[in-house]
Amino acid sequence: MTSAPRNRVRAAILFVAPAVLLVGLAYHPYIAIPRESDVAAAVVSDTTRWGLAHLVVGVGYGLLALAFLALRDHLREAGEERWSVPALPLVVLGCALTAILTGMEFAPLTAAETGGDVEAVQSELVPWFLSVVVASGLTFALGALGFAVAIVRTRVLGSRLTWLVAGALVVLAVARFVPLGAAFYVTAAAAVLALWPLAYSMWEQPEARPGEPDVKLSTTA
């Protein structure tokens, strides 16, 4: 695959991943305080919405892992071999652990649809859920911060966009520790702000001439 088509594929992944995540997190029922009773009430009120939201969020995090794989490939071509190398497996692990979290939330859904005690099921999940939240948040945060440093150091974007993307990655890293409430919307917005400028730059980048590395992004801001 030549340079331009390869960049278009990467750009598409970086655009689609946060878009899917945005849809899933926006559709998720709003729960201001993560009490078992509030979660149970949200599940019982609309089991279909609960199930679809968690399914889309799980797919979104799978695509997000692919997006960071594409970003790592792009940074490698830009000569970055220090920060994004250890950051990639951390991000992928964080996304995988988050997908496990979405899977856990099908337990109260099953209880609701079979006449079980939804609140009791959710209560039993709390210790496991919190453990995975901490593990996924920590691994993803370290990886996201690594990518932020890599982007700043390589300057694959213009100056202002570089700091916008790096800042959004930092916000995304912090928001991952709060899996409910307004943090959902912060996570979705941060993912969009972090990856869409990169997606646009990759899409607009011309094909490199033979013998020249494919490392320049002309986007400036």
Foldseek 3Di string as FASTA:
>chain_A
DFQQVLLLVLLVLLQVLLVLLLVLLVLADADADPALVSLLVSCLVDVPSLLVSLVSNLVSLVSVLVNLVSVLVLLVLLVDDPLLVVLNVLQNVLSVLVSVLSVLSCQLSVCSVVVHDSSVSVVVCVVVNLVSLVSSLVSNLSSLLSVLVSCCVSVQAADVLSVQLSVLSNQLSVLSSPPHHPSSNSNSVSSCSNRNVSSVQSNPQDGDDPPDGSNHGPHHD
